[in-house]
Amino acid sequence: MSLTSRLLALICAPAYALRRSRIADLPAWGGVLLLCLLGTGWSAFRIWQGGCTAQRVLSLVICLSVASLLLIAHAQRYLVYRPKGLVLPEDTSELVADEKLRLRGSGFFAVSDMVRYLVEIPVFVWCTQLGEYVLAAQVRPLNFLGVGVPLGEGGWWYIFFKPEQVLDWSSGELAFGLGWRPAVQIIYRTEQGPQTLHLSCEDAGPLAILIKTLRAQTDPSQAQRIAVAPRAP
């Protein structure tokens, strides 16, 4: 992964933390972005009125940089992913019904009438007897005196989709914060339109099981587009 991608991944982690946090029911991400934009405008006004000084230019650059980085991280969905071939061992098995895989998931999780975009949260992934995929993520809110993730969002959040809803998928690698790991990107159809799901793990073993299962369940013409490296001699 390139240096630019690694730096962007470092930015995504704190930006996502701001996005998920609230201060007295106000979104922390929006508040920081608004302060940066106001600081940019104020610094530019001071430079226009009184001329350039090192302090004013530095203030302008810092405010503008932070605002830009927050917007870039938001556009990236707070993670960095790139397609890359993944070697599947010859003895890789397919996912058995109700067998649970422990991975990390990034996507739109829902419970009751609430939907939240969660990034790299530990998830259990399994396939039911009827062939439906289920992702279950437990949110444990970190909140101190009203600052942090709202306590009302604690509990289990879910994603459901069937193999016939899968529009495309690819193997690759994902970076979030300091670490990068093998990953799978899945684009699936919902009533609200296409949604993108990322699943990753430190050990590629569980991911290989998921990939082999997806290859067996998706249309052959689609599977041919997936970059899967051949087994090394």
Protein backbone atom coordinates (compact mmCIF):
# COMPACT_ATOMS: atom_id res chain seq x y z
CA MET A 1 0.00 0.00 0.00
CA SER A 2 1.35 3.42 -0.97
CA LEU A 3 2.50 6.08 1.49
CA THR A 4 -0.44 8.29 0.48
CA SER A 5 -2.89 5.50 1.27
CA ARG A 6 -1.26 4.86 4.64
CA LEU A 7 -1.42 8.55 5.58
CA LEU A 8 -5.05 8.68 4.50
CA ALA A 9 -5.78 5.60 6.63
CA LEU A 10 -4.23 7.35 9.65
CA ILE A 11 -6.52 10.33 9.08
CA CYS A 12 -9.62 8.15 8.68
CA ALA A 13 -9.46 6.69 12.20
CA PRO A 14 -9.72 9.96 14.21
CA ALA A 15 -12.13 11.41 11.64
CA TYR A 16 -14.42 8.39 12.10
CA ALA A 17 -14.18 8.76 15.89
CA LEU A 18 -15.38 12.35 15.52
CA ARG A 19 -18.14 11.25 13.17
CA ARG A 20 -19.50 8.73 15.66
CA SER A 21 -19.21 11.04 18.69
CA ARG A 22 -21.64 13.59 19.99
CA ILE A 23 -21.32 16.40 22.49
CA ALA A 24 -24.60 17.06 24.26
CA ASP A 25 -26.51 15.54 21.30
CA LEU A 26 -24.57 17.68 18.81
CA PRO A 27 -22.38 15.89 16.22
CA ALA A 28 -18.70 16.39 17.08
CA TRP A 29 -17.62 15.99 13.43
CA GLY A 30 -19.88 18.80 12.25
CA GLY A 31 -18.80 21.04 15.10
CA VAL A 32 -15.09 20.61 14.39
CA LEU A 33 -15.66 21.12 10.66
CA LEU A 34 -17.66 24.30 11.31
CA LEU A 35 -14.94 25.67 13.61
CA CYS A 36 -12.29 24.96 10.98
CA LEU A 37 -14.28 26.68 8.25
CA LEU A 38 -14.92 29.69 10.50
CA GLY A 39 -11.23 29.76 11.42
CA THR A 40 -10.27 29.65 7.74
CA GLY A 41 -12.57 32.55 6.94
CA TRP A 42 -11.38 34.60 9.92
CA SER A 43 -7.70 34.01 9.11
CA ALA A 44 -8.26 34.94 5.47
CA PHE A 45 -10.08 38.11 6.56
CA ARG A 46 -7.21 39.09 8.89
CA ILE A 47 -4.67 38.55 6.10
CA TRP A 48 -6.78 40.66 3.72
CA GLN A 49 -7.16 43.43 6.32
CA GLY A 50 -3.71 43.52 7.91
CA GLY A 51 -1.41 41.67 5.54
CA CYS A 52 0.42 38.36 5.83
CA THR A 53 2.16 37.34 9.02
CA ALA A 54 3.55 33.92 9.90
CA GLN A 55 0.92 33.43 12.59
CA ARG A 56 -2.01 34.30 10.32
CA VAL A 57 -0.77 32.14 7.46
CA LEU A 58 -0.14 29.20 9.82
CA SER A 59 -3.62 29.57 11.28
CA LEU A 60 -5.13 29.62 7.79
CA VAL A 61 -3.17 26.56 6.67
CA ILE A 62 -4.04 24.53 9.79
CA CYS A 63 -7.76 25.30 9.67
CA LEU A 64 -7.99 24.69 5.94
CA SER A 65 -5.98 21.46 6.18
CA VAL A 66 -8.06 19.99 8.99
CA ALA A 67 -11.32 20.85 7.21
CA SER A 68 -10.03 19.32 3.96
CA LEU A 69 -8.84 16.14 5.68
CA LEU A 70 -12.20 15.66 7.42
CA LEU A 71 -14.03 16.00 4.11
CA ILE A 72 -11.62 13.63 2.33
CA ALA A 73 -12.00 11.02 5.07
CA HIS A 74 -15.78 11.32 4.81
CA ALA A 75 -15.63 10.87 1.04
CA GLN A 76 -13.49 7.75 1.58
CA ARG A 77 -16.06 6.32 4.01
CA TYR A 78 -13.32 6.44 6.66
CA LEU A 79 -11.26 3.59 5.23
CA VAL A 80 -8.85 2.84 2.41
CA TYR A 81 -9.50 -0.20 0.21
CA ARG A 82 -7.82 -1.44 -2.93
CA PRO A 83 -8.44 -4.66 -4.89
CA LYS A 84 -5.69 -7.23 -4.63
CA GLY A 85 -5.45 -10.92 -5.38
CA LEU A 86 -5.77 -13.26 -2.42
CA VAL A 87 -4.28 -16.76 -2.46
CA LEU A 88 -6.85 -19.42 -1.56
CA PRO A 89 -5.29 -22.56 -0.05
CA GLU A 90 -6.31 -25.76 -1.84
CA ASP A 91 -7.96 -27.13 1.30
CA THR A 92 -10.20 -24.06 1.81
CA SER A 93 -13.75 -25.15 2.60
CA GLU A 94 -17.01 -23.35 1.94
CA LEU A 95 -19.04 -21.76 4.71
CA VAL A 96 -21.36 -24.28 6.35
CA ALA A 97 -24.86 -23.12 7.27
CA ASP A 98 -24.89 -21.41 10.69
CA GLU A 99 -21.09 -21.60 10.94
CA LYS A 100 -19.91 -18.26 12.32
CA LEU A 101 -16.86 -16.36 11.10
CA ARG A 102 -15.31 -13.63 13.25
CA LEU A 103 -14.32 -10.69 11.07
CA ARG A 104 -14.34 -6.90 11.06
CA GLY A 105 -17.12 -5.16 9.16
CA SER A 106 -17.67 -1.71 7.65
CA GLY A 107 -21.07 -0.79 6.27
CA PHE A 108 -24.61 0.33 7.05
CA PHE A 109 -25.88 -1.64 10.04
CA ALA A 110 -29.48 -1.39 11.23
CA VAL A 111 -31.62 -2.19 14.24
CA SER A 112 -35.32 -1.33 14.61
CA ASP A 113 -35.72 1.93 12.68
CA MET A 114 -32.11 3.14 13.11
CA VAL A 115 -29.27 2.86 10.60
CA ARG A 116 -25.64 3.67 11.36
CA TYR A 117 -22.48 3.47 9.29
CA LEU A 118 -19.95 1.51 11.34
CA VAL A 119 -16.29 1.04 10.43
CA GLU A 120 -14.06 -1.94 11.28
CA ILE A 121 -16.31 -3.15 14.05
CA PRO A 122 -15.97 -6.80 15.17
CA VAL A 123 -18.74 -8.87 13.59
CA PHE A 124 -20.03 -12.41 13.46
CA VAL A 125 -20.81 -13.50 9.89
CA TRP A 126 -22.84 -16.58 9.04
CA CYS A 127 -25.16 -18.02 6.40
CA THR A 128 -28.57 -19.38 7.41
CA GLN A 129 -30.14 -22.63 6.25
CA LEU A 130 -32.11 -20.57 3.70
CA GLY A 131 -28.89 -19.06 2.28
CA GLU A 132 -29.24 -15.56 3.75
CA TYR A 133 -26.09 -13.85 5.03
CA VAL A 134 -26.26 -12.32 8.50
CA LEU A 135 -23.76 -9.90 10.01
CA ALA A 136 -24.09 -9.12 13.72
CA ALA A 137 -22.04 -6.36 15.38
CA GLN A 138 -22.23 -5.44 19.05
CA VAL A 139 -21.81 -1.72 19.75
CA ARG A 140 -20.42 -0.86 23.17
CA PRO A 141 -20.77 2.93 23.48
CA LEU A 142 -17.98 4.91 25.09
CA ASN A 143 -19.65 7.92 26.66
CA PHE A 144 -18.55 10.21 29.49
CA LEU A 145 -20.86 12.95 30.75
CA GLY A 146 -22.68 13.11 27.44
CA VAL A 147 -19.54 13.15 25.31
CA GLY A 148 -19.01 10.18 22.98
CA VAL A 149 -21.20 7.62 21.25
CA PRO A 150 -24.82 7.88 22.48
CA LEU A 151 -25.66 5.19 25.04
CA GLY A 152 -28.90 4.49 23.18
CA GLU A 153 -26.91 2.98 20.32
CA GLY A 154 -25.55 0.17 22.46
CA GLY A 155 -26.49 -3.39 21.56
CA TRP A 156 -26.53 -5.60 18.47
CA TRP A 157 -26.72 -4.16 14.95
CA TYR A 158 -27.28 -6.22 11.80
CA ILE A 159 -26.87 -6.49 8.04
CA PHE A 160 -28.87 -9.05 6.03
CA PHE A 161 -28.51 -9.93 2.36
CA LYS A 162 -29.01 -12.91 0.06
CA PRO A 163 -26.56 -14.20 -2.58
CA GLU A 164 -28.87 -13.03 -5.38
CA GLN A 165 -28.59 -9.47 -4.04
CA VAL A 166 -24.81 -9.42 -4.56
CA LEU A 167 -24.00 -7.15 -7.52
CA ASP A 168 -20.21 -7.37 -7.37
CA TRP A 169 -17.38 -8.24 -5.02
CA SER A 170 -13.60 -8.33 -4.94
CA SER A 171 -10.77 -9.45 -2.72
CA GLY A 172 -8.23 -6.85 -1.62
CA GLU A 173 -6.67 -5.14 1.36
CA LEU A 174 -8.04 -2.53 3.73
CA ALA A 175 -6.35 0.08 5.87
CA PHE A 176 -7.83 1.89 8.86
CA GLY A 177 -5.58 3.67 11.31
CA LEU A 178 -2.17 2.05 11.68
CA GLY A 179 -3.02 -1.42 10.44
CA TRP A 180 -3.88 -2.91 7.07
CA ARG A 181 -5.32 -6.38 6.53
CA PRO A 182 -6.80 -8.72 3.89
CA ALA A 183 -10.35 -7.73 2.99
CA VAL A 184 -13.36 -8.36 0.80
CA GLN A 185 -15.57 -5.67 -0.72
CA ILE A 186 -19.18 -6.66 -1.40
CA ILE A 187 -21.69 -4.49 -3.26
CA TYR A 188 -25.23 -5.70 -2.71
CA ARG A 189 -28.68 -4.50 -3.74
CA THR A 190 -31.18 -3.10 -1.24
CA GLU A 191 -34.49 -1.25 -1.46
CA GLN A 192 -32.55 1.99 -0.85
CA GLY A 193 -30.09 1.24 -3.67
CA PRO A 194 -26.67 -0.43 -3.84
CA GLN A 195 -24.75 -0.65 -0.57
CA THR A 196 -21.05 -1.37 -0.06
CA LEU A 197 -19.81 -3.69 2.66
CA HIS A 198 -16.18 -4.32 3.64
CA LEU A 199 -15.06 -7.33 5.65
CA SER A 200 -11.51 -7.78 6.89
CA CYS A 201 -9.44 -9.82 9.33
CA GLU A 202 -5.86 -10.25 10.48
CA ASP A 203 -5.82 -13.90 9.46
CA ALA A 204 -6.85 -14.51 5.85
CA GLY A 205 -8.20 -17.98 6.72
CA PRO A 206 -11.80 -16.97 7.58
CA LEU A 207 -11.77 -14.54 4.66
CA ALA A 208 -10.76 -17.35 2.28
CA ILE A 209 -13.78 -19.38 3.43
CA LEU A 210 -16.06 -16.44 2.71
CA ILE A 211 -14.49 -15.83 -0.71
CA LYS A 212 -14.84 -19.46 -1.76
CA THR A 213 -18.49 -19.42 -0.69
CA LEU A 214 -19.17 -16.20 -2.60
CA ARG A 215 -17.51 -17.60 -5.71
CA ALA A 216 -19.71 -20.68 -5.56
CA GLN A 217 -22.90 -18.67 -5.06
CA THR A 218 -22.45 -15.82 -7.54
CA ASP A 219 -22.82 -15.89 -11.28
CA PRO A 220 -19.77 -17.43 -13.02
CA SER A 221 -19.37 -14.41 -15.32
CA GLN A 222 -19.16 -12.21 -12.22
CA ALA A 223 -16.70 -14.46 -10.43
CA GLN A 224 -14.30 -14.19 -13.37
CA ARG A 225 -13.88 -10.49 -12.63
CA ILE A 226 -12.55 -11.20 -9.15
CA ALA A 227 -8.79 -11.00 -8.82
CA VAL A 228 -7.77 -14.18 -7.02
CA ALA A 229 -4.13 -15.11 -7.25
CA PRO A 230 -3.14 -18.69 -8.20
CA ARG A 231 -1.63 -20.94 -5.59
CA ALA A 232 2.14 -20.58 -5.37
CA PRO A 233 4.13 -23.66 -6.48
